Structure formats: C-alpha cells, structure tokens
Amino acid sequence: MITVSENAKQQALTLIKEANKPAETFIRVGVEGGGCSGLSYKLEFATEMREGDQVFEDKGIKIVVDKKSFLYLIGTELDYSGGLNGKGFIFINPNASRTCGCGESFSV
C-alpha cells in the first residue's frame, strides 16, 4: 500500500483545484532508472488508467502506480514539505537503503 500524509493531501487538493483538473484526477507515482542514487521517483497528475496499474486510496486521495514500480514503493508514504530547505512532495520509502541529498533518487 502507498499512503498519503495530511500535508500531501492538502497540497495535492490545492494543486488540482488551481490547475482546474477534472474531479477524476489522481496522483500517478512511479520509479525509473536514473538520478544520483540509481532510481528516481516520478510523480504526476493523471486521469487515465493503464494496464497493470495498482490503485490505492488514502485520505480521499487516489494513488496509482504501475506494477513494476510498486515493487520499489511498497509501504511508502507520500508527504509534502513546505520548509526553508525546499518545498515539494517527498517519498518516505522504507525500501530505500540509500537516498540522495535532494530526496529525488534512491537505491534498494
């Protein structure tokens, strides 16, 4: 399962509203090769499902992840930080053995 913090929920709802996205908009998360630690996170708003997608809902936010990426993201929490060290969505991934300083890439 992939969960969403209260901060991430509020920010996602704000961004969806500001961008005039349709009501069926969800967050698509994924993993791809690259980044300074070997794997990078992908995050985008989407409205169309793909074959093999895994669907989760937490705090009213629908999260969709492809089957391959899910193996790297099991148990991950999507959070949002608005602090002085930078703002943005962050992944709290219990499967990551190492992450880079920016938090956008990891290795297992």
PDB file of N, CA and C in Angstrom:
ATOM      1  N   MET A   1       0.835  -1.186   0.000  1.00  0.00           N
ATOM      2  CA  MET A   1       0.000   0.000   0.000  1.00  0.00           C
ATOM      3  C   MET A   1       0.876   1.244   0.000  1.00  0.00           C
ATOM      4  N   ILE A   2       0.395   2.290  -0.619  1.00  0.00           N
ATOM      5  CA  ILE A   2       1.042   3.597  -0.609  1.00  0.00           C
ATOM      6  C   ILE A   2       0.087   4.554   0.088  1.00  0.00           C
ATOM      7  N   THR A   3       0.593   5.308   1.051  1.00  0.00           N
ATOM      8  CA  THR A   3      -0.252   6.203   1.829  1.00  0.00           C
ATOM      9  C   THR A   3       0.117   7.661   1.561  1.00  0.00           C
ATOM     10  N   VAL A   4      -0.734   8.555   2.052  1.00  0.00           N
ATOM     11  CA  VAL A   4      -0.576   9.992   1.842  1.00  0.00           C
ATOM     12  C   VAL A   4      -0.667  10.684   3.200  1.00  0.00           C
ATOM     13  N   SER A   5       0.285  11.571   3.486  1.00  0.00           N
ATOM     14  CA  SER A   5       0.204  12.337   4.727  1.00  0.00           C
ATOM     15  C   SER A   5      -0.861  13.418   4.588  1.00  0.00           C
ATOM     16  N   GLU A   6      -1.268  13.988   5.693  1.00  0.00           N
ATOM     17  CA  GLU A   6      -2.248  15.072   5.671  1.00  0.00           C
ATOM     18  C   GLU A   6      -1.707  16.273   4.887  1.00  0.00           C
ATOM     19  N   ASN A   7      -0.406  16.583   5.048  1.00  0.00           N
ATOM     20  CA  ASN A   7       0.202  17.699   4.304  1.00  0.00           C
ATOM     21  C   ASN A   7       0.161  17.448   2.793  1.00  0.00           C
ATOM     22  N   ALA A   8       0.485  16.212   2.388  1.00  0.00           N
ATOM     23  CA  ALA A   8       0.458  15.878   0.958  1.00  0.00           C
ATOM     24  C   ALA A   8      -0.963  15.940   0.416  1.00  0.00           C
ATOM     25  N   LYS A   9      -1.916  15.481   1.197  1.00  0.00           N
ATOM     26  CA  LYS A   9      -3.319  15.537   0.778  1.00  0.00           C
ATOM     27  C   LYS A   9      -3.740  16.977   0.504  1.00  0.00           C
ATOM     28  N   GLN A  10      -3.476  17.858   1.457  1.00  0.00           N
ATOM     29  CA  GLN A  10      -3.885  19.257   1.303  1.00  0.00           C
ATOM     30  C   GLN A  10      -3.217  19.911   0.097  1.00  0.00           C
ATOM     31  N   GLN A  11      -1.922  19.653  -0.094  1.00  0.00           N
ATOM     32  CA  GLN A  11      -1.211  20.245  -1.227  1.00  0.00           C
ATOM     33  C   GLN A  11      -1.718  19.695  -2.552  1.00  0.00           C
ATOM     34  N   ALA A  12      -1.972  18.394  -2.612  1.00  0.00           N
ATOM     35  CA  ALA A  12      -2.490  17.791  -3.842  1.00  0.00           C
ATOM     36  C   ALA A  12      -3.848  18.388  -4.200  1.00  0.00           C
ATOM     37  N   LEU A  13      -4.732  18.503  -3.221  1.00  0.00           N
ATOM     38  CA  LEU A  13      -6.055  19.084  -3.480  1.00  0.00           C
ATOM     39  C   LEU A  13      -5.936  20.528  -3.953  1.00  0.00           C
ATOM     40  N   THR A  14      -5.021  21.281  -3.359  1.00  0.00           N
ATOM     41  CA  THR A  14      -4.798  22.672  -3.771  1.00  0.00           C
ATOM     42  C   THR A  14      -4.309  22.740  -5.213  1.00  0.00           C
ATOM     43  N   LEU A  15      -3.329  21.912  -5.552  1.00  0.00           N
ATOM     44  CA  LEU A  15      -2.775  21.926  -6.918  1.00  0.00           C
ATOM     45  C   LEU A  15      -3.799  21.482  -7.953  1.00  0.00           C
ATOM     46  N   ILE A  16      -4.601  20.483  -7.618  1.00  0.00           N
ATOM     47  CA  ILE A  16      -5.643  20.012  -8.544  1.00  0.00           C
ATOM     48  C   ILE A  16      -6.646  21.133  -8.807  1.00  0.00           C
ATOM     49  N   LYS A  17      -7.040  21.810  -7.753  1.00  0.00           N
ATOM     50  CA  LYS A  17      -8.002  22.908  -7.887  1.00  0.00           C
ATOM     51  C   LYS A  17      -7.411  24.064  -8.683  1.00  0.00           C
ATOM     52  N   GLU A  18      -6.175  24.474  -8.362  1.00  0.00           N
ATOM     53  CA  GLU A  18      -5.527  25.596  -9.051  1.00  0.00           C
ATOM     54  C   GLU A  18      -5.342  25.330 -10.540  1.00  0.00           C
ATOM     55  N   ALA A  19      -5.114  24.071 -10.889  1.00  0.00           N
ATOM     56  CA  ALA A  19      -4.890  23.708 -12.290  1.00  0.00           C
ATOM     57  C   ALA A  19      -6.187  23.360 -13.013  1.00  0.00           C
ATOM     58  N   ASN A  20      -7.316  23.508 -12.334  1.00  0.00           N
ATOM     59  CA  ASN A  20      -8.625  23.193 -12.920  1.00  0.00           C
ATOM     60  C   ASN A  20      -8.678  21.781 -13.490  1.00  0.00           C
ATOM     61  N   LYS A  21      -8.088  20.834 -12.748  1.00  0.00           N
ATOM     62  CA  LYS A  21      -8.109  19.434 -13.170  1.00  0.00           C
ATOM     63  C   LYS A  21      -9.496  18.850 -12.925  1.00  0.00           C
ATOM     64  N   PRO A  22      -9.904  17.863 -13.722  1.00  0.00           N
ATOM     65  CA  PRO A  22     -11.226  17.247 -13.519  1.00  0.00           C
ATOM     66  C   PRO A  22     -11.301  16.471 -12.201  1.00  0.00           C
ATOM     67  N   ALA A  23     -12.504  16.200 -11.752  1.00  0.00           N
ATOM     68  CA  ALA A  23     -12.742  15.534 -10.471  1.00  0.00           C
ATOM     69  C   ALA A  23     -12.104  14.145 -10.405  1.00  0.00           C
ATOM     70  N   GLU A  24     -11.964  13.477 -11.546  1.00  0.00           N
ATOM     71  CA  GLU A  24     -11.407  12.118 -11.545  1.00  0.00           C
ATOM     72  C   GLU A  24      -9.878  12.086 -11.560  1.00  0.00           C
ATOM     73  N   THR A  25      -9.225  13.220 -11.355  1.00  0.00           N
ATOM     74  CA  THR A  25      -7.766  13.300 -11.343  1.00  0.00           C
ATOM     75  C   THR A  25      -7.197  12.519 -10.166  1.00  0.00           C
ATOM     76  N   PHE A  26      -6.126  11.775 -10.435  1.00  0.00           N
ATOM     77  CA  PHE A  26      -5.431  11.042  -9.375  1.00  0.00           C
ATOM     78  C   PHE A  26      -3.937  11.331  -9.476  1.00  0.00           C
ATOM     79  N   ILE A  27      -3.183  10.860  -8.496  1.00  0.00           N
ATOM     80  CA  ILE A  27      -1.733  11.026  -8.499  1.00  0.00           C
ATOM     81  C   ILE A  27      -1.113   9.733  -8.986  1.00  0.00           C
ATOM     82  N   ARG A  28      -0.317   9.820 -10.041  1.00  0.00           N
ATOM     83  CA  ARG A  28       0.423   8.662 -10.553  1.00  0.00           C
ATOM     84  C   ARG A  28       1.851   8.763 -10.032  1.00  0.00           C
ATOM     85  N   VAL A  29       2.289   7.724  -9.328  1.00  0.00           N
ATOM     86  CA  VAL A  29       3.664   7.674  -8.844  1.00  0.00           C
ATOM     87  C   VAL A  29       4.369   6.514  -9.513  1.00  0.00           C
ATOM     88  N   GLY A  30       5.668   6.649  -9.656  1.00  0.00           N
ATOM     89  CA  GLY A  30       6.437   5.598 -10.293  1.00  0.00           C
ATOM     90  C   GLY A  30       7.910   5.729  -9.995  1.00  0.00           C
ATOM     91  N   VAL A  31       8.665   4.778 -10.531  1.00  0.00           N
ATOM     92  CA  VAL A  31      10.109   4.725 -10.362  1.00  0.00           C
ATOM     93  C   VAL A  31      10.717   4.494 -11.735  1.00  0.00           C
ATOM     94  N   GLU A  32      11.830   5.185 -12.003  1.00  0.00           N
ATOM     95  CA  GLU A  32      12.559   4.976 -13.249  1.00  0.00           C
ATOM     96  C   GLU A  32      14.047   4.990 -12.952  1.00  0.00           C
ATOM     97  N   GLY A  33      14.823   4.393 -13.826  1.00  0.00           N
ATOM     98  CA  GLY A  33      16.267   4.396 -13.659  1.00  0.00           C
ATOM     99  C   GLY A  33      16.818   5.804 -13.825  1.00  0.00           C
ATOM    100  N   GLY A  34      17.831   6.136 -13.014  1.00  0.00           N
ATOM    101  CA  GLY A  34      18.467   7.446 -13.116  1.00  0.00           C
ATOM    102  C   GLY A  34      18.630   8.096 -11.765  1.00  0.00           C
ATOM    103  N   GLY A  35      19.101   9.302 -11.774  1.00  0.00           N
ATOM    104  CA  GLY A  35      19.346  10.012 -10.519  1.00  0.00           C
ATOM    105  C   GLY A  35      20.690   9.615  -9.942  1.00  0.00           C
ATOM    106  N   CYS A  36      21.113  10.337  -8.942  1.00  0.00           N
ATOM    107  CA  CYS A  36      22.448  10.095  -8.377  1.00  0.00           C
ATOM    108  C   CYS A  36      22.522   8.842  -7.513  1.00  0.00           C
ATOM    109  N   SER A  37      21.394   8.238  -7.160  1.00  0.00           N
ATOM    110  CA  SER A  37      21.414   7.009  -6.365  1.00  0.00           C
ATOM    111  C   SER A  37      20.965   5.789  -7.154  1.00  0.00           C
ATOM    112  N   GLY A  38      20.629   5.946  -8.414  1.00  0.00           N
ATOM    113  CA  GLY A  38      20.287   4.811  -9.265  1.00  0.00           C
ATOM    114  C   GLY A  38      18.843   4.731  -9.715  1.00  0.00           C
ATOM    115  N   LEU A  39      17.905   5.135  -8.859  1.00  0.00           N
ATOM    116  CA  LEU A  39      16.488   5.122  -9.205  1.00  0.00           C
ATOM    117  C   LEU A  39      15.890   6.471  -8.849  1.00  0.00           C
ATOM    118  N   SER A  40      14.973   6.952  -9.680  1.00  0.00           N
ATOM    119  CA  SER A  40      14.329   8.240  -9.431  1.00  0.00           C
ATOM    120  C   SER A  40      12.827   8.056  -9.308  1.00  0.00           C
ATOM    121  N   TYR A  41      12.223   8.909  -8.488  1.00  0.00           N
ATOM    122  CA  TYR A  41      10.775   8.912  -8.335  1.00  0.00           C
ATOM    123  C   TYR A  41      10.138   9.741  -9.441  1.00  0.00           C
ATOM    124  N   LYS A  42       8.963   9.311  -9.877  1.00  0.00           N
ATOM    125  CA  LYS A  42       8.140  10.076 -10.817  1.00  0.00           C
ATOM    126  C   LYS A  42       6.824  10.385 -10.109  1.00  0.00           C
ATOM    127  N   LEU A  43       6.299  11.563 -10.377  1.00  0.00           N
ATOM    128  CA  LEU A  43       5.057  11.985  -9.741  1.00  0.00           C
ATOM    129  C   LEU A  43       4.331  12.904 -10.704  1.00  0.00           C
ATOM    130  N   GLU A  44       3.061  12.608 -10.996  1.00  0.00           N
ATOM    131  CA  GLU A  44       2.286  13.446 -11.898  1.00  0.00           C
ATOM    132  C   GLU A  44       0.801  13.270 -11.633  1.00  0.00           C
ATOM    133  N   PHE A  45       0.015  14.239 -12.073  1.00  0.00           N
ATOM    134  CA  PHE A  45      -1.435  14.105 -12.038  1.00  0.00           C
ATOM    135  C   PHE A  45      -1.861  13.424 -13.329  1.00  0.00           C
ATOM    136  N   ALA A  46      -2.862  12.554 -13.242  1.00  0.00           N
ATOM    137  CA  ALA A  46      -3.347  11.835 -14.412  1.00  0.00           C
ATOM    138  C   ALA A  46      -4.833  11.557 -14.262  1.00  0.00           C
ATOM    139  N   THR A  47      -5.457  11.172 -15.368  1.00  0.00           N
ATOM    140  CA  THR A  47      -6.879  10.827 -15.350  1.00  0.00           C
ATOM    141  C   THR A  47      -7.157   9.486 -16.028  1.00  0.00           C
ATOM    142  N   GLU A  48      -6.140   8.899 -16.659  1.00  0.00           N
ATOM    143  CA  GLU A  48      -6.351   7.647 -17.387  1.00  0.00           C
ATOM    144  C   GLU A  48      -5.542   6.519 -16.774  1.00  0.00           C
ATOM    145  N   MET A  49      -6.211   5.387 -16.568  1.00  0.00           N
ATOM    146  CA  MET A  49      -5.563   4.196 -16.035  1.00  0.00           C
ATOM    147  C   MET A  49      -4.824   3.483 -17.161  1.00  0.00           C
ATOM    148  N   ARG A  50      -3.805   2.725 -16.791  1.00  0.00           N
ATOM    149  CA  ARG A  50      -3.045   1.902 -17.734  1.00  0.00           C
ATOM    150  C   ARG A  50      -3.140   0.448 -17.296  1.00  0.00           C
ATOM    151  N   GLU A  51      -2.919  -0.443 -18.241  1.00  0.00           N
ATOM    152  CA  GLU A  51      -2.972  -1.863 -17.932  1.00  0.00           C
ATOM    153  C   GLU A  51      -1.930  -2.199 -16.862  1.00  0.00           C
ATOM    154  N   GLY A  52      -2.355  -2.950 -15.861  1.00  0.00           N
ATOM    155  CA  GLY A  52      -1.450  -3.372 -14.795  1.00  0.00           C
ATOM    156  C   GLY A  52      -1.316  -2.390 -13.644  1.00  0.00           C
ATOM    157  N   ASP A  53      -2.016  -1.257 -13.701  1.00  0.00           N
ATOM    158  CA  ASP A  53      -1.934  -0.271 -12.616  1.00  0.00           C
ATOM    159  C   ASP A  53      -2.473  -0.837 -11.308  1.00  0.00           C
ATOM    160  N   GLN A  54      -1.822  -0.472 -10.226  1.00  0.00           N
ATOM    161  CA  GLN A  54      -2.287  -0.767  -8.874  1.00  0.00           C
ATOM    162  C   GLN A  54      -2.920   0.516  -8.344  1.00  0.00           C
ATOM    163  N   VAL A  55      -4.077   0.422  -7.704  1.00  0.00           N
ATOM    164  CA  VAL A  55      -4.802   1.602  -7.239  1.00  0.00           C
ATOM    165  C   VAL A  55      -4.942   1.548  -5.724  1.00  0.00           C
ATOM    166  N   PHE A  56      -4.637   2.673  -5.086  1.00  0.00           N
ATOM    167  CA  PHE A  56      -4.770   2.820  -3.636  1.00  0.00           C
ATOM    168  C   PHE A  56      -5.492   4.127  -3.368  1.00  0.00           C
ATOM    169  N   GLU A  57      -6.211   4.174  -2.271  1.00  0.00           N
ATOM    170  CA  GLU A  57      -6.841   5.430  -1.867  1.00  0.00           C
ATOM    171  C   GLU A  57      -6.583   5.633  -0.389  1.00  0.00           C
ATOM    172  N   ASP A  58      -6.099   6.818  -0.047  1.00  0.00           N
ATOM    173  CA  ASP A  58      -5.824   7.153   1.340  1.00  0.00           C
ATOM    174  C   ASP A  58      -6.219   8.601   1.579  1.00  0.00           C
ATOM    175  N   LYS A  59      -6.987   8.831   2.616  1.00  0.00           N
ATOM    176  CA  LYS A  59      -7.450  10.175   2.986  1.00  0.00           C
ATOM    177  C   LYS A  59      -8.176  10.869   1.828  1.00  0.00           C
ATOM    178  N   GLY A  60      -8.847  10.075   0.987  1.00  0.00           N
ATOM    179  CA  GLY A  60      -9.601  10.639  -0.120  1.00  0.00           C
ATOM    180  C   GLY A  60      -8.777  10.937  -1.362  1.00  0.00           C
ATOM    181  N   ILE A  61      -7.504  10.606  -1.347  1.00  0.00           N
ATOM    182  CA  ILE A  61      -6.620  10.830  -2.499  1.00  0.00           C
ATOM    183  C   ILE A  61      -6.345   9.486  -3.158  1.00  0.00           C
ATOM    184  N   LYS A  62      -6.588   9.409  -4.460  1.00  0.00           N
ATOM    185  CA  LYS A  62      -6.326   8.176  -5.205  1.00  0.00           C
ATOM    186  C   LYS A  62      -4.883   8.212  -5.714  1.00  0.00           C
ATOM    187  N   ILE A  63      -4.148   7.136  -5.415  1.00  0.00           N
ATOM    188  CA  ILE A  63      -2.768   6.961  -5.850  1.00  0.00           C
ATOM    189  C   ILE A  63      -2.740   5.768  -6.803  1.00  0.00           C
ATOM    190  N   VAL A  64      -2.102   5.944  -7.956  1.00  0.00           N
ATOM    191  CA  VAL A  64      -1.994   4.872  -8.945  1.00  0.00           C
ATOM    192  C   VAL A  64      -0.513   4.648  -9.246  1.00  0.00           C
ATOM    193  N   VAL A  65      -0.117   3.389  -9.292  1.00  0.00           N
ATOM    194  CA  VAL A  65       1.281   3.044  -9.555  1.00  0.00           C
ATOM    195  C   VAL A  65       1.323   1.821 -10.465  1.00  0.00           C
ATOM    196  N   ASP A  66       2.279   1.818 -11.393  1.00  0.00           N
ATOM    197  CA  ASP A  66       2.411   0.657 -12.273  1.00  0.00           C
ATOM    198  C   ASP A  66       2.990  -0.511 -11.476  1.00  0.00           C
ATOM    199  N   LYS A  67       2.756  -1.718 -11.964  1.00  0.00           N
ATOM    200  CA  LYS A  67       3.110  -2.935 -11.232  1.00  0.00           C
ATOM    201  C   LYS A  67       4.612  -3.009 -10.925  1.00  0.00           C
ATOM    202  N   LYS A  68       5.449  -2.662 -11.880  1.00  0.00           N
ATOM    203  CA  LYS A  68       6.901  -2.742 -11.690  1.00  0.00           C
ATOM    204  C   LYS A  68       7.365  -1.748 -10.617  1.00  0.00           C
ATOM    205  N   SER A  69       6.884  -0.516 -10.673  1.00  0.00           N
ATOM    206  CA  SER A  69       7.279   0.495  -9.687  1.00  0.00           C
ATOM    207  C   SER A  69       6.790   0.127  -8.292  1.00  0.00           C
ATOM    208  N   PHE A  70       5.642  -0.525  -8.215  1.00  0.00           N
ATOM    209  CA  PHE A  70       5.070  -0.864  -6.917  1.00  0.00           C
ATOM    210  C   PHE A  70       6.029  -1.705  -6.088  1.00  0.00           C
ATOM    211  N   LEU A  71       6.799  -2.567  -6.732  1.00  0.00           N
ATOM    212  CA  LEU A  71       7.757  -3.404  -6.007  1.00  0.00           C
ATOM    213  C   LEU A  71       8.753  -2.562  -5.218  1.00  0.00           C
ATOM    214  N   TYR A  72       9.097  -1.375  -5.718  1.00  0.00           N
ATOM    215  CA  TYR A  72      10.032  -0.479  -5.041  1.00  0.00           C
ATOM    216  C   TYR A  72       9.335   0.450  -4.042  1.00  0.00           C
ATOM    217  N   LEU A  73       8.023   0.562  -4.153  1.00  0.00           N
ATOM    218  CA  LEU A  73       7.289   1.559  -3.374  1.00  0.00           C
ATOM    219  C   LEU A  73       6.381   0.984  -2.294  1.00  0.00           C
ATOM    220  N   ILE A  74       6.375  -0.314  -2.100  1.00  0.00           N
ATOM    221  CA  ILE A  74       5.511  -0.927  -1.087  1.00  0.00           C
ATOM    222  C   ILE A  74       5.776  -0.275   0.271  1.00  0.00           C
ATOM    223  N   GLY A  75       4.718   0.205   0.902  1.00  0.00           N
ATOM    224  CA  GLY A  75       4.828   0.801   2.226  1.00  0.00           C
ATOM    225  C   GLY A  75       5.267   2.257   2.248  1.00  0.00           C
ATOM    226  N   THR A  76       5.388   2.879   1.090  1.00  0.00           N
ATOM    227  CA  THR A  76       5.848   4.265   1.001  1.00  0.00           C
ATOM    228  C   THR A  76       4.741   5.240   1.393  1.00  0.00           C
ATOM    229  N   GLU A  77       5.138   6.325   2.036  1.00  0.00           N
ATOM    230  CA  GLU A  77       4.215   7.419   2.343  1.00  0.00           C
ATOM    231  C   GLU A  77       4.612   8.628   1.510  1.00  0.00           C
ATOM    232  N   LEU A  78       3.646   9.223   0.838  1.00  0.00           N
ATOM    233  CA  LEU A  78       3.861  10.458   0.098  1.00  0.00           C
ATOM    234  C   LEU A  78       3.597  11.600   1.065  1.00  0.00           C
ATOM    235  N   ASP A  79       4.585  12.467   1.237  1.00  0.00           N
ATOM    236  CA  ASP A  79       4.470  13.590   2.159  1.00  0.00           C
ATOM    237  C   ASP A  79       4.742  14.872   1.395  1.00  0.00           C
ATOM    238  N   TYR A  80       4.525  15.995   2.047  1.00  0.00           N
ATOM    239  CA  TYR A  80       4.805  17.296   1.452  1.00  0.00           C
ATOM    240  C   TYR A  80       5.523  18.147   2.480  1.00  0.00           C
ATOM    241  N   SER A  81       6.609  18.773   2.044  1.00  0.00           N
ATOM    242  CA  SER A  81       7.362  19.668   2.919  1.00  0.00           C
ATOM    243  C   SER A  81       7.328  21.068   2.328  1.00  0.00           C
ATOM    244  N   GLY A  82       6.995  22.030   3.149  1.00  0.00           N
ATOM    245  CA  GLY A  82       6.971  23.418   2.708  1.00  0.00           C
ATOM    246  C   GLY A  82       7.994  24.249   3.450  1.00  0.00           C
ATOM    247  N   GLY A  83       9.034  23.601   3.962  1.00  0.00           N
ATOM    248  CA  GLY A  83      10.019  24.267   4.809  1.00  0.00           C
ATOM    249  C   GLY A  83      11.051  25.089   4.064  1.00  0.00           C
ATOM    250  N   LEU A  84      11.960  25.652   4.836  1.00  0.00           N
ATOM    251  CA  LEU A  84      13.014  26.508   4.296  1.00  0.00           C
ATOM    252  C   LEU A  84      14.024  25.743   3.446  1.00  0.00           C
ATOM    253  N   ASN A  85      14.154  24.449   3.676  1.00  0.00           N
ATOM    254  CA  ASN A  85      15.108  23.648   2.914  1.00  0.00           C
ATOM    255  C   ASN A  85      14.560  23.221   1.565  1.00  0.00           C
ATOM    256  N   GLY A  86      13.466  23.768   1.165  1.00  0.00           N
ATOM    257  CA  GLY A  86      12.857  23.426  -0.112  1.00  0.00           C
ATOM    258  C   GLY A  86      11.464  22.904   0.084  1.00  0.00           C
ATOM    259  N   LYS A  87      10.608  23.161  -0.888  1.00  0.00           N
ATOM    260  CA  LYS A  87       9.260  22.657  -0.792  1.00  0.00           C
ATOM    261  C   LYS A  87       9.002  21.671  -1.899  1.00  0.00           C
ATOM    262  N   GLY A  88       8.129  20.758  -1.610  1.00  0.00           N
ATOM    263  CA  GLY A  88       7.750  19.782  -2.607  1.00  0.00           C
ATOM    264  C   GLY A  88       7.313  18.476  -1.978  1.00  0.00           C
ATOM    265  N   PHE A  89       6.851  17.585  -2.824  1.00  0.00           N
ATOM    266  CA  PHE A  89       6.442  16.270  -2.376  1.00  0.00           C
ATOM    267  C   PHE A  89       7.684  15.428  -2.110  1.00  0.00           C
ATOM    268  N   ILE A  90       7.633  14.642  -1.061  1.00  0.00           N
ATOM    269  CA  ILE A  90       8.735  13.752  -0.724  1.00  0.00           C
ATOM    270  C   ILE A  90       8.198  12.350  -0.496  1.00  0.00           C
ATOM    271  N   PHE A  91       9.047  11.368  -0.752  1.00  0.00           N
ATOM    272  CA  PHE A  91       8.701   9.962  -0.582  1.00  0.00           C
ATOM    273  C   PHE A  91       9.398   9.434   0.660  1.00  0.00           C
ATOM    274  N   ILE A  92       8.631   8.909   1.597  1.00  0.00           N
ATOM    275  CA  ILE A  92       9.197   8.242   2.764  1.00  0.00           C
ATOM    276  C   ILE A  92       9.106   6.752   2.455  1.00  0.00           C
ATOM    277  N   ASN A  93      10.219   6.212   1.946  1.00  0.00           N
ATOM    278  CA  ASN A  93      10.238   4.868   1.383  1.00  0.00           C
ATOM    279  C   ASN A  93      11.035   3.926   2.284  1.00  0.00           C
ATOM    280  N   PRO A  94      10.356   2.983   2.954  1.00  0.00           N
ATOM    281  CA  PRO A  94      11.063   2.061   3.844  1.00  0.00           C
ATOM    282  C   PRO A  94      11.954   1.065   3.099  1.00  0.00           C
ATOM    283  N   ASN A  95      11.814   0.972   1.784  1.00  0.00           N
ATOM    284  CA  ASN A  95      12.604   0.034   0.989  1.00  0.00           C
ATOM    285  C   ASN A  95      13.936   0.624   0.529  1.00  0.00           C
ATOM    286  N   ALA A  96      14.089   1.933   0.654  1.00  0.00           N
ATOM    287  CA  ALA A  96      15.308   2.602   0.183  1.00  0.00           C
ATOM    288  C   ALA A  96      16.452   2.363   1.158  1.00  0.00           C
ATOM    289  N   SER A  97      17.552   1.813   0.658  1.00  0.00           N
ATOM    290  CA  SER A  97      18.723   1.608   1.508  1.00  0.00           C
ATOM    291  C   SER A  97      19.615   2.840   1.518  1.00  0.00           C
ATOM    292  N   ARG A  98      19.450   3.679   0.488  1.00  0.00           N
ATOM    293  CA  ARG A  98      20.243   4.905   0.384  1.00  0.00           C
ATOM    294  C   ARG A  98      19.444   5.912  -0.429  1.00  0.00           C
ATOM    295  N   THR A  99      19.486   7.167  -0.029  1.00  0.00           N
ATOM    296  CA  THR A  99      18.847   8.236  -0.793  1.00  0.00           C
ATOM    297  C   THR A  99      19.854   9.346  -1.023  1.00  0.00           C
ATOM    298  N   CYS A 100      19.597  10.138  -2.039  1.00  0.00           N
ATOM    299  CA  CYS A 100      20.484  11.270  -2.292  1.00  0.00           C
ATOM    300  C   CYS A 100      20.040  12.459  -1.445  1.00  0.00           C
ATOM    301  N   GLY A 101      20.845  13.482  -1.396  1.00  0.00           N
ATOM    302  CA  GLY A 101      20.546  14.656  -0.589  1.00  0.00           C
ATOM    303  C   GLY A 101      19.279  15.373  -0.996  1.00  0.00           C
ATOM    304  N   CYS A 102      18.950  15.344  -2.278  1.00  0.00           N
ATOM    305  CA  CYS A 102      17.749  16.045  -2.744  1.00  0.00           C
ATOM    306  C   CYS A 102      16.476  15.253  -2.487  1.00  0.00           C
ATOM    307  N   GLY A 103      16.608  13.961  -2.204  1.00  0.00           N
ATOM    308  CA  GLY A 103      15.446  13.122  -1.921  1.00  0.00           C
ATOM    309  C   GLY A 103      14.702  12.654  -3.145  1.00  0.00           C
ATOM    310  N   GLU A 104      15.226  12.936  -4.333  1.00  0.00           N
ATOM    311  CA  GLU A 104      14.545  12.550  -5.557  1.00  0.00           C
ATOM    312  C   GLU A 104      15.023  11.230  -6.136  1.00  0.00           C
ATOM    313  N   SER A 105      16.092  10.678  -5.595  1.00  0.00           N
ATOM    314  CA  SER A 105      16.543   9.379  -6.076  1.00  0.00           C
ATOM    315  C   SER A 105      16.949   8.502  -4.889  1.00  0.00           C
ATOM    316  N   PHE A 106      17.006   7.197  -5.154  1.00  0.00           N
ATOM    317  CA  PHE A 106      17.276   6.226  -4.086  1.00  0.00           C
ATOM    318  C   PHE A 106      17.843   4.951  -4.678  1.00  0.00           C
ATOM    319  N   SER A 107      18.293   4.064  -3.807  1.00  0.00           N
ATOM    320  CA  SER A 107      18.689   2.726  -4.221  1.00  0.00           C
ATOM    321  C   SER A 107      18.128   1.740  -3.206  1.00  0.00           C
ATOM    322  N   VAL A 108      18.026   0.484  -3.625  1.00  0.00           N
ATOM    323  CA  VAL A 108      17.497  -0.555  -2.733  1.00  0.00           C
ATOM    324  C   VAL A 108      18.550  -1.601  -2.482  1.00  0.00           C
TER     325      VAL A 108
END
